[in-house]
Amino acid sequence: MHDRKLSIFNDISFNPHPIEEYVPMEPLDPAVFDRFCEDGWCYWSDLLFRRNYLNWRGHDCRVILVRIRLKDFTFSKSQRKCLRKNSDLFTQFRSLKIAHEHVLLFQQHSKRFGHNQPHRIEGFFSRYSDIMPCFGYEFDVFTQEREHIASSFFHIGNKSMAGNYGLFSQAHAARSLGTFTMLLEILHAMHLGLEYYYPGFVYDISSEFDYKLNFNNLEYFDWWGNWYPLERLPVRDWRANWEIPFPDEPLFVEEPSLILPRADRTA
């Protein structure tokens, strides 16, 4: 088994004091949303939250927020290949709205998780996710036969975009659809002239979030209010560090459900 600690964080200083804050979800001005992202806030369902420590697979670990600086951003060779491989697909852009087709796809998608398996797509969104914390949108992906095979959801501020959630069909896992929809979001953010794309957080130990480190122009948040450049981590299979069986299909983009204080959750 390999070392679970990610070496790219070995010589980086972070605020060591625990931070754990939650506020109820509410509509934010796009500029205020930008500031929340800059200050280390994430969002889930009906909560805005920020935490710099979490427990993952029984291990206490540091939460590290990352973002991609879009000025002069370039895709890697593998990311360009992913875009070409999926050029035969149809994509639809629209305001965020969880429909029955998303529920069906989520039921298939969630079966992939052997740890912290999510049960309902509604656990990731509120009924007002199209306008909170700011305007929300989605990409839906279809085959030429109009089979719905992937969706991703995100919110847009004045100068930033934050990815919220992605799901895809296991039957098409070879297409790397989680990565593909993330690339669609980045392309759209660049088209809008935005400055930053926030894909969420990673841990300082190897996890299924490691794919977020395989991008150029990365920056990390030090939990003192500062963002600094971060070395790109080439893609590799994180499961080698955890004695996790390797399925026939590769694992790509998604977020597991967070364990938040029950008192802060609404039905």
Protein backbone atom coordinates (compact mmCIF):
# COMPACT_ATOMS: atom_id res chain seq x y z
CA MET A 1 0.00 0.00 0.00
CA HIS A 2 1.27 3.49 -0.86
CA ASP A 3 1.43 6.51 1.44
CA ARG A 4 -2.05 8.02 1.66
CA LYS A 5 -0.75 11.54 2.26
CA LEU A 6 -0.56 13.70 -0.87
CA SER A 7 3.01 14.89 -1.23
CA ILE A 8 2.07 18.16 -2.95
CA PHE A 9 0.81 19.44 0.43
CA ASN A 10 3.87 18.43 2.47
CA ASP A 11 5.56 21.84 2.44
CA ILE A 12 2.44 24.00 2.59
CA SER A 13 1.26 25.84 5.71
CA PHE A 14 -2.42 25.91 6.58
CA ASN A 15 -4.34 27.50 9.44
CA PRO A 16 -4.18 24.72 12.06
CA HIS A 17 -7.15 25.95 14.10
CA PRO A 18 -10.43 24.08 13.47
CA ILE A 19 -13.02 26.01 11.49
CA GLU A 20 -16.62 24.79 11.30
CA GLU A 21 -19.37 27.22 10.34
CA TYR A 22 -22.88 26.79 8.91
CA VAL A 23 -25.47 29.31 7.80
CA PRO A 24 -28.89 28.69 6.23
CA MET A 25 -29.02 28.94 2.46
CA GLU A 26 -30.29 32.26 1.12
CA PRO A 27 -30.17 34.17 -2.17
CA LEU A 28 -26.91 36.05 -2.59
CA ASP A 29 -25.97 38.87 -4.88
CA PRO A 30 -23.53 37.46 -7.49
CA ALA A 31 -20.70 39.61 -6.10
CA VAL A 32 -21.44 38.35 -2.57
CA PHE A 33 -21.41 34.77 -3.89
CA ASP A 34 -17.94 35.45 -5.32
CA ARG A 35 -16.78 36.62 -1.91
CA PHE A 36 -18.21 33.56 -0.17
CA CYS A 37 -16.27 31.33 -2.58
CA GLU A 38 -13.09 33.34 -1.99
CA ASP A 39 -13.52 32.98 1.78
CA GLY A 40 -13.74 29.19 1.70
CA TRP A 41 -17.50 28.63 1.76
CA CYS A 42 -19.18 25.71 0.00
CA TYR A 43 -22.88 24.90 -0.28
CA TRP A 44 -25.03 21.82 -0.09
CA SER A 45 -28.81 21.49 -0.18
CA ASP A 46 -30.09 24.24 2.15
CA LEU A 47 -26.77 25.12 3.82
CA LEU A 48 -23.73 27.28 3.25
CA PHE A 49 -20.82 25.87 5.19
CA ARG A 50 -17.07 25.86 5.60
CA ARG A 51 -14.93 23.31 7.43
CA ASN A 52 -11.20 22.77 7.34
CA TYR A 53 -11.27 19.27 8.85
CA LEU A 54 -13.42 16.23 8.05
CA ASN A 55 -13.36 12.49 8.62
CA TRP A 56 -13.03 10.36 5.47
CA ARG A 57 -13.05 6.55 5.60
CA GLY A 58 -12.34 6.70 9.32
CA HIS A 59 -9.39 9.09 8.98
CA ASP A 60 -9.35 12.68 10.21
CA CYS A 61 -7.99 14.81 7.39
CA ARG A 62 -7.53 18.38 6.31
CA VAL A 63 -10.04 19.87 3.86
CA ILE A 64 -8.29 21.83 1.12
CA LEU A 65 -10.31 24.10 -1.13
CA VAL A 66 -9.03 24.51 -4.66
CA ARG A 67 -9.90 26.69 -7.62
CA ILE A 68 -8.77 27.08 -11.22
CA ARG A 69 -7.54 30.45 -12.44
CA LEU A 70 -9.11 30.80 -15.89
CA LYS A 71 -6.84 33.48 -17.34
CA ASP A 72 -4.45 31.75 -19.76
CA PHE A 73 -5.88 28.35 -18.73
CA THR A 74 -5.10 25.42 -21.02
CA PHE A 75 -6.41 21.87 -21.03
CA SER A 76 -4.04 18.95 -20.66
CA LYS A 77 -3.53 16.42 -23.44
CA SER A 78 -5.84 13.90 -21.74
CA GLN A 79 -8.53 16.54 -21.22
CA ARG A 80 -8.43 17.53 -24.89
CA LYS A 81 -8.72 13.84 -25.73
CA CYS A 82 -11.78 13.55 -23.48
CA LEU A 83 -13.46 16.44 -25.29
CA ARG A 84 -12.74 14.90 -28.68
CA LYS A 85 -13.95 11.47 -27.57
CA ASN A 86 -17.32 12.91 -26.61
CA SER A 87 -17.78 15.27 -29.55
CA ASP A 88 -20.54 13.00 -30.88
CA LEU A 89 -22.77 13.71 -27.87
CA PHE A 90 -25.53 16.32 -27.60
CA THR A 91 -25.39 18.79 -24.70
CA GLN A 92 -28.20 20.91 -23.33
CA PHE A 93 -27.68 24.01 -21.17
CA ARG A 94 -30.55 25.27 -19.03
CA SER A 95 -31.51 26.67 -15.62
CA LEU A 96 -31.08 24.18 -12.80
CA LYS A 97 -34.17 22.08 -12.28
CA ILE A 98 -34.16 18.57 -10.84
CA ALA A 99 -36.49 16.51 -13.03
CA HIS A 100 -37.57 12.88 -13.07
CA GLU A 101 -34.85 12.07 -15.58
CA HIS A 102 -32.23 13.22 -13.05
CA VAL A 103 -33.77 11.06 -10.32
CA LEU A 104 -33.57 8.00 -12.55
CA LEU A 105 -29.97 8.69 -13.52
CA PHE A 106 -29.04 9.34 -9.88
CA GLN A 107 -30.48 5.98 -8.81
CA GLN A 108 -28.07 4.29 -11.18
CA HIS A 109 -25.16 6.60 -10.43
CA SER A 110 -25.36 6.23 -6.63
CA LYS A 111 -24.93 2.45 -6.77
CA ARG A 112 -21.26 3.01 -7.64
CA PHE A 113 -20.43 4.13 -4.10
CA GLY A 114 -19.24 1.55 -1.63
CA HIS A 115 -18.56 4.24 1.01
CA ASN A 116 -20.96 6.95 2.22
CA GLN A 117 -23.48 6.08 -0.47
CA PRO A 118 -25.99 8.89 -1.16
CA HIS A 119 -29.63 7.84 -1.32
CA ARG A 120 -31.60 10.78 -2.75
CA ILE A 121 -30.60 13.44 -5.23
CA GLU A 122 -32.76 15.85 -3.26
CA GLY A 123 -30.14 15.64 -0.51
CA PHE A 124 -27.82 17.74 -2.67
CA PHE A 125 -30.30 20.43 -3.69
CA SER A 126 -33.09 22.54 -2.26
CA ARG A 127 -36.29 23.39 -4.08
CA TYR A 128 -34.75 26.81 -4.76
CA SER A 129 -31.36 25.69 -6.09
CA ASP A 130 -32.07 27.49 -9.36
CA ILE A 131 -31.77 30.83 -7.55
CA MET A 132 -29.81 30.01 -4.36
CA PRO A 133 -27.16 30.76 -3.43
CA CYS A 134 -27.24 32.53 -6.82
CA PHE A 135 -28.49 31.54 -10.27
CA GLY A 136 -27.96 27.83 -10.90
CA TYR A 137 -27.61 26.02 -14.23
CA GLU A 138 -27.03 22.55 -15.60
CA PHE A 139 -25.57 20.68 -18.53
CA ASP A 140 -27.46 17.58 -19.64
CA VAL A 141 -25.70 15.16 -21.98
CA PHE A 142 -27.41 12.81 -24.47
CA THR A 143 -26.35 10.22 -26.99
CA GLN A 144 -27.39 10.54 -30.62
CA GLU A 145 -30.25 8.18 -29.71
CA ARG A 146 -31.34 10.78 -27.10
CA GLU A 147 -30.38 8.63 -24.13
CA HIS A 148 -29.74 10.84 -21.11
CA ILE A 149 -26.30 9.76 -19.85
CA ALA A 150 -24.91 12.62 -17.72
CA SER A 151 -25.72 15.88 -15.97
CA SER A 152 -23.78 18.46 -14.00
CA PHE A 153 -24.99 21.39 -11.91
CA PHE A 154 -23.29 24.68 -11.07
CA HIS A 155 -23.83 28.29 -9.98
CA ILE A 156 -22.47 31.50 -11.47
CA GLY A 157 -21.46 34.72 -9.73
CA ASN A 158 -20.01 37.92 -11.17
CA LYS A 159 -16.52 36.57 -11.72
CA SER A 160 -16.66 32.94 -10.65
CA MET A 161 -18.42 29.62 -11.24
CA ALA A 162 -18.77 26.90 -8.61
CA GLY A 163 -19.42 23.29 -9.54
CA ASN A 164 -22.14 21.71 -7.41
CA TYR A 165 -22.68 18.07 -8.43
CA GLY A 166 -22.23 15.67 -11.35
CA LEU A 167 -23.77 12.31 -12.20
CA PHE A 168 -23.50 9.93 -15.11
CA SER A 169 -24.53 6.54 -16.44
CA GLN A 170 -22.31 3.61 -15.46
CA ALA A 171 -23.02 2.05 -18.84
CA HIS A 172 -20.97 4.85 -20.43
CA ALA A 173 -18.19 5.08 -17.83
CA ALA A 174 -15.54 4.58 -20.53
CA ARG A 175 -16.41 8.05 -21.86
CA SER A 176 -15.16 9.71 -18.62
CA LEU A 177 -18.43 11.64 -18.44
CA GLY A 178 -17.76 13.12 -15.03
CA THR A 179 -14.59 14.68 -16.36
CA PHE A 180 -16.37 15.65 -19.58
CA THR A 181 -19.13 17.63 -17.84
CA MET A 182 -16.55 19.36 -15.66
CA LEU A 183 -14.69 20.40 -18.81
CA LEU A 184 -17.99 21.71 -20.25
CA GLU A 185 -18.41 23.86 -17.16
CA ILE A 186 -14.88 25.25 -17.48
CA LEU A 187 -15.39 25.99 -21.17
CA HIS A 188 -18.61 27.84 -20.37
CA ALA A 189 -16.92 29.82 -17.58
CA MET A 190 -14.15 30.84 -19.99
CA HIS A 191 -16.74 31.80 -22.62
CA LEU A 192 -18.39 34.10 -20.05
CA GLY A 193 -15.04 35.71 -19.23
CA LEU A 194 -15.09 34.56 -15.62
CA GLU A 195 -11.92 34.62 -13.52
CA TYR A 196 -12.24 31.47 -11.40
CA TYR A 197 -13.80 28.03 -11.44
CA TYR A 198 -14.31 26.40 -8.03
CA PRO A 199 -14.59 22.59 -8.18
CA GLY A 200 -14.91 22.25 -4.40
CA PHE A 201 -12.46 20.59 -2.05
CA VAL A 202 -9.93 17.79 -1.81
CA TYR A 203 -8.30 16.15 1.20
CA ASP A 204 -4.65 16.05 2.18
CA ILE A 205 -4.90 12.27 1.82
CA SER A 206 -5.62 10.33 -1.35
CA SER A 207 -9.35 10.14 -2.16
CA GLU A 208 -11.82 10.08 -5.02
CA PHE A 209 -11.52 13.88 -5.08
CA ASP A 210 -7.95 13.70 -6.41
CA TYR A 211 -9.17 14.26 -9.98
CA LYS A 212 -9.64 17.93 -9.08
CA LEU A 213 -5.86 18.25 -8.76
CA ASN A 214 -5.26 17.18 -12.37
CA PHE A 215 -5.69 20.69 -13.81
CA ASN A 216 -3.46 23.54 -14.82
CA ASN A 217 -3.63 26.93 -13.08
CA LEU A 218 -4.63 25.45 -9.73
CA GLU A 219 -4.73 27.50 -6.54
CA TYR A 220 -5.34 26.41 -2.94
CA PHE A 221 -6.88 28.20 0.07
CA ASP A 222 -4.71 28.37 3.20
CA TRP A 223 -7.68 29.01 5.59
CA TRP A 224 -6.12 32.33 6.58
CA GLY A 225 -7.86 34.08 3.67
CA ASN A 226 -5.17 33.62 1.01
CA TRP A 227 -4.98 31.72 -2.28
CA TYR A 228 -1.67 30.45 -3.65
CA PRO A 229 -0.57 28.54 -6.79
CA LEU A 230 -0.61 24.75 -6.48
CA GLU A 231 1.30 22.15 -8.46
CA ARG A 232 -0.82 19.99 -10.75
CA LEU A 233 -1.08 16.35 -9.65
CA PRO A 234 -1.16 13.96 -12.64
CA VAL A 235 -4.15 11.64 -12.64
CA ARG A 236 -3.73 8.21 -11.06
CA ASP A 237 -6.04 5.78 -9.32
CA TRP A 238 -6.50 6.77 -5.68
CA ARG A 239 -7.90 3.33 -4.77
CA ALA A 240 -4.38 1.84 -4.81
CA ASN A 241 -3.83 3.54 -1.43
CA TRP A 242 -6.91 2.11 0.25
CA GLU A 243 -7.17 -1.61 -0.53
CA ILE A 244 -10.35 -0.92 -2.49
CA PRO A 245 -11.30 -3.42 -5.20
CA PHE A 246 -10.89 -2.12 -8.74
CA PRO A 247 -14.22 -2.38 -10.62
CA ASP A 248 -14.41 -2.91 -14.35
CA GLU A 249 -15.40 0.73 -14.86
CA PRO A 250 -13.19 3.62 -13.72
CA LEU A 251 -14.31 6.08 -11.07
CA PHE A 252 -14.49 9.72 -12.05
CA VAL A 253 -16.30 12.85 -10.89
CA GLU A 254 -18.74 13.06 -8.05
CA GLU A 255 -19.07 14.25 -4.47
CA PRO A 256 -20.14 11.99 -1.59
CA SER A 257 -22.71 13.26 0.87
CA LEU A 258 -21.30 15.28 3.74
CA ILE A 259 -22.17 14.38 7.30
CA LEU A 260 -23.49 17.66 8.67
CA PRO A 261 -24.97 18.35 12.14
CA ARG A 262 -28.56 17.14 12.11
CA ALA A 263 -29.71 20.27 13.91
CA ASP A 264 -28.61 22.33 10.90
CA ARG A 265 -30.58 20.27 8.40
CA THR A 266 -34.17 20.69 7.37
CA ALA A 267 -36.48 17.94 6.20
